[in-house]
Amino acid sequence: MRVLAVDPGLTRCGVAVVESGSDGKAHSLLAGVIRTDPQDELAMRLRQVYDAVHEHLMQMNVDVLVVERVFSQNNVRTAMGTAQAAAVCMLAATQLNLPVHQHTPTEVKAAVTGSGRADKAQVAFMVGRILGLRELPKPVDATDALALGICHVWRSRTAVAVGR
């Protein structure tokens, strides 16, 4: 299974492609960030996120898109931008008839570290260990996307094993 994982954001949107090998291990094929300029119009920024995600979907031959589920934040403006970025990513996948899944930050942390309360440093450390990375990608949005991809690959394998 090849997963395009997106840690949505309007200024920095983390993207990663994670593949599960026949050995059951997760492998990183891509980790990066889509950046938009906060000075640009909202519609243009959303178009840039959409275009970049669409391009990754086409080039990387993925089987599924997974997006981190937007959770309630104190800053409504940030939450709205995050939700809008997530929505255009999901649109790009559904237009290509690809399935879309979401996982909460707590699910991702628990899958990667064993604790849903892990901090970003713990998640990043475990992502590096799991994928055998010598260096973690920067900024942390790319690492978060890798964690999301790992979570989905592992959860999907488990779902298949128990017959879901």
Protein backbone atom coordinates (compact mmCIF):
# COMPACT_ATOMS: atom_id res chain seq x y z
CA MET A 1 0.00 0.00 0.00
CA ARG A 2 1.24 3.46 -0.89
CA VAL A 3 -0.18 6.36 1.14
CA LEU A 4 0.01 10.10 0.59
CA ALA A 5 -0.25 11.56 4.08
CA VAL A 6 -1.08 15.23 4.64
CA ASP A 7 -0.64 17.23 7.82
CA PRO A 8 -2.87 20.08 6.66
CA GLY A 9 -1.96 23.70 7.04
CA LEU A 10 -2.36 26.83 5.03
CA THR A 11 1.14 28.30 5.46
CA ARG A 12 2.96 24.97 5.80
CA CYS A 13 1.23 21.77 4.73
CA GLY A 14 3.24 18.63 5.52
CA VAL A 15 3.20 15.89 2.89
CA ALA A 16 4.72 12.43 2.90
CA VAL A 17 4.45 9.23 0.93
CA VAL A 18 4.78 6.09 3.01
CA GLU A 19 4.68 2.61 1.57
CA SER A 20 4.29 -0.70 3.32
CA GLY A 21 6.66 -3.25 1.91
CA SER A 22 6.06 -6.96 1.53
CA ASP A 23 8.11 -7.32 4.71
CA GLY A 24 5.43 -5.36 6.59
CA LYS A 25 7.77 -2.46 7.27
CA ALA A 26 6.97 1.16 6.48
CA HIS A 27 9.24 2.96 4.04
CA SER A 28 9.43 6.69 3.31
CA LEU A 29 9.35 7.68 -0.35
CA LEU A 30 8.77 11.42 0.11
CA ALA A 31 8.66 13.97 2.91
CA GLY A 32 8.26 17.67 2.45
CA VAL A 33 6.19 20.77 2.90
CA ILE A 34 3.90 22.75 0.63
CA ARG A 35 4.32 26.43 1.48
CA THR A 36 2.02 29.32 0.68
CA ASP A 37 2.55 33.01 1.24
CA PRO A 38 0.30 34.45 3.97
CA GLN A 39 0.18 37.71 1.98
CA ASP A 40 -1.58 35.99 -0.95
CA GLU A 41 -5.35 35.77 -1.29
CA LEU A 42 -6.95 32.80 0.48
CA ALA A 43 -8.34 31.32 -2.72
CA MET A 44 -4.90 31.42 -4.39
CA ARG A 45 -3.27 29.74 -1.37
CA LEU A 46 -5.88 26.97 -1.38
CA ARG A 47 -5.32 26.51 -5.12
CA GLN A 48 -1.57 26.15 -4.51
CA VAL A 49 -2.16 23.45 -1.88
CA TYR A 50 -4.64 21.67 -4.16
CA ASP A 51 -2.28 21.78 -7.16
CA ALA A 52 0.68 20.46 -5.17
CA VAL A 53 -1.31 17.62 -3.61
CA HIS A 54 -2.84 16.73 -6.97
CA GLU A 55 0.64 16.60 -8.51
CA HIS A 56 1.91 14.31 -5.72
CA LEU A 57 -1.13 12.04 -6.17
CA MET A 58 -0.45 11.76 -9.89
CA GLN A 59 3.35 11.37 -9.71
CA MET A 60 3.61 9.02 -6.74
CA ASN A 61 0.98 6.49 -7.85
CA VAL A 62 -0.62 6.34 -4.40
CA ASP A 63 -3.46 4.07 -3.33
CA VAL A 64 -4.99 6.29 -0.67
CA LEU A 65 -4.89 9.79 0.78
CA VAL A 66 -4.83 10.18 4.54
CA VAL A 67 -5.33 13.55 6.20
CA GLU A 68 -4.91 14.43 9.83
CA ARG A 69 -8.34 15.16 11.24
CA VAL A 70 -8.70 18.80 12.16
CA PHE A 71 -9.29 19.22 15.86
CA SER A 72 -10.71 22.16 17.75
CA GLN A 73 -8.17 24.85 18.46
CA ASN A 74 -8.37 28.02 20.50
CA ASN A 75 -7.50 30.07 17.43
CA VAL A 76 -10.56 29.83 15.17
CA ARG A 77 -8.76 31.51 12.26
CA THR A 78 -6.00 28.89 12.32
CA ALA A 79 -8.51 26.07 12.61
CA MET A 80 -10.46 27.39 9.62
CA GLY A 81 -7.35 27.61 7.44
CA THR A 82 -6.31 24.11 8.47
CA ALA A 83 -9.78 22.74 7.70
CA GLN A 84 -9.85 24.48 4.32
CA ALA A 85 -6.44 23.07 3.42
CA ALA A 86 -7.60 19.59 4.46
CA ALA A 87 -10.72 19.96 2.32
CA VAL A 88 -8.87 20.83 -0.90
CA CYS A 89 -6.55 17.86 -0.33
CA MET A 90 -9.54 15.54 0.03
CA LEU A 91 -11.10 17.06 -3.08
CA ALA A 92 -7.95 16.36 -5.10
CA ALA A 93 -8.05 12.69 -4.09
CA THR A 94 -11.77 12.16 -4.63
CA GLN A 95 -11.53 13.68 -8.10
CA LEU A 96 -9.09 10.86 -8.88
CA ASN A 97 -11.42 8.30 -7.27
CA LEU A 98 -8.92 7.61 -4.50
CA PRO A 99 -10.14 6.70 -1.02
CA VAL A 100 -9.64 9.26 1.72
CA HIS A 101 -9.12 8.47 5.41
CA GLN A 102 -8.55 10.62 8.46
CA HIS A 103 -6.82 10.00 11.78
CA THR A 104 -6.75 12.23 14.84
CA PRO A 105 -3.49 13.55 16.26
CA THR A 106 -4.02 11.30 19.30
CA GLU A 107 -4.38 8.20 17.08
CA VAL A 108 -1.20 9.10 15.21
CA LYS A 109 0.81 9.67 18.40
CA ALA A 110 -0.44 6.41 19.93
CA ALA A 111 0.38 4.42 16.79
CA VAL A 112 3.91 5.77 16.48
CA THR A 113 4.97 6.15 20.13
CA GLY A 114 2.54 4.01 22.12
CA SER A 115 1.14 7.10 23.87
CA GLY A 116 -1.56 9.44 22.60
CA ARG A 117 -0.04 12.16 24.78
CA ALA A 118 3.44 12.07 23.23
CA ASP A 119 5.02 15.41 22.36
CA LYS A 120 6.36 16.38 18.94
CA ALA A 121 9.94 15.48 19.88
CA GLN A 122 8.91 11.95 20.89
CA VAL A 123 6.90 11.49 17.68
CA ALA A 124 9.80 12.76 15.56
CA PHE A 125 12.27 10.47 17.35
CA MET A 126 10.09 7.42 16.75
CA VAL A 127 9.45 8.32 13.11
CA GLY A 128 13.21 8.38 12.60
CA ARG A 129 13.62 5.00 14.32
CA ILE A 130 10.72 3.33 12.51
CA LEU A 131 11.82 4.52 9.08
CA GLY A 132 15.56 4.19 9.74
CA LEU A 133 16.19 7.83 8.86
CA ARG A 134 19.60 9.30 9.50
CA GLU A 135 18.12 12.79 9.57
CA LEU A 136 14.58 13.92 10.15
CA PRO A 137 13.04 16.12 7.49
CA LYS A 138 12.50 19.76 8.37
CA PRO A 139 10.23 21.44 9.31
CA VAL A 140 8.28 19.30 11.75
CA ASP A 141 5.21 19.35 9.46
CA ALA A 142 6.99 16.87 7.16
CA THR A 143 7.78 14.59 10.12
CA ASP A 144 4.16 14.82 11.27
CA ALA A 145 3.02 13.75 7.80
CA LEU A 146 5.38 10.76 7.95
CA ALA A 147 3.90 9.81 11.33
CA LEU A 148 0.41 10.02 9.85
CA GLY A 149 1.44 7.79 6.95
CA ILE A 150 2.97 5.22 9.31
CA CYS A 151 -0.18 5.27 11.42
CA HIS A 152 -2.39 4.59 8.41
CA VAL A 153 -0.22 1.82 7.00
CA TRP A 154 -0.11 0.05 10.37
CA ARG A 155 -3.81 0.54 11.15
CA SER A 156 -4.77 -0.71 7.69
CA ARG A 157 -2.66 -3.83 8.12
CA THR A 158 -4.32 -4.48 11.46
CA ALA A 159 -7.81 -3.94 10.02
CA VAL A 160 -7.09 -6.47 7.26
CA ALA A 161 -5.72 -8.97 9.79
CA VAL A 162 -8.88 -8.82 11.90
CA GLY A 163 -11.17 -8.90 8.87
CA ARG A 164 -12.53 -5.34 8.85
